[in-house]
Amino acid sequence: MKEFLERLFKRTRNQLLRKQLAAATAEIIRLRADKVVRDLRIRDLESERFQDALTKISNRKFLEEKRKELDDNTRRHDEGYAFIILDIDNFKSVNDTHGHGVGDWVLKEVARAIKDCTRPQDASGFWGKNKEITDVGRLGGEEFVILAGRCESPENAGKIAERARAAIEALEFSVDDKTILKVTASFGVAVFDPKHPQTPEEMYNQADAALYVAKGKNQSPLVPADEPLKNRVCICTPEGIILFPKLESINEQPKLAGSPHSHASALPLVAPR
């Protein structure tokens, strides 16, 4: 009888321990799952703070933080960087003619094209292995920004912008069975000069002024009056605002009037897929 009771007690105790262990295991799994969900939610909230809701690239707030970080680093290490603004040409007519749904589609595809063609692993071959794209973002509306770290010459900055311009120009939007919509963008470029450092506000104003020349809204004595504008890249240099040549061939070498740099590597134009 005693042995029977002992076996019964052990069996009951083991069953109870197994139930307690199962309950504890389930609780640990639940707590871990809750933590994963909470961490993902926090990450999503952080992304929403710094990500443009429509295009999923960096928003203006995050661009400002990245630009400040880039500006501090370049001053500390005596390097240059490029601040590139681009604006989709005649975007209002896209919304007015085809509706805001198509307009949003254009903005998302333009953002994707810029992001794709400025990835460092794709782009390093044409502006030097030490160059890097720091960020791509949307300022608002149809205006976007490319921040290019370790970019110290107008030629290199112009090639980054020209590559993005060609990628946008290659986009096609099948609006309906009969309508293929194409868009273009104009670019304004400013390059940080370690020898004559500009403030971030001066960099923005220089790029914005170059953009206005590229869109034909202002004039520059270094840009020939008969040059067709819009869908072009203009660069602010110490000598003034100059027009970057369109590179139709990968073998073309840009030659910039008034620039102390006399060489540039070939630019492969890659249309977005």
Foldseek 3Di string as FASTA:
>chain_A
DVVVVVVVVVVVVVVVVVVVVVVVVVVVVVVVVVVVVVVVVVVVVVQVVQADPLQRFGEQVVVVVLVVVLLVVCLVVVAKKKKKKKFWPPLVVCCVPQNVVVSSVLLNVLQVLLVVCQQLVNPCVFFHVPKHWSGKYAHDDRMIITIIHRRAFPQSQQLSVLLSQLQQQLDWDCSDPPDIDGIGMEMFMEMAHSVDGDDPVVSVVRSVVLRCVQQVNDHKPQEDPPDDHGSFYWYQDPVGIHTWDNDPDQPDWTATPPTPDGGGHGHDRDHDD
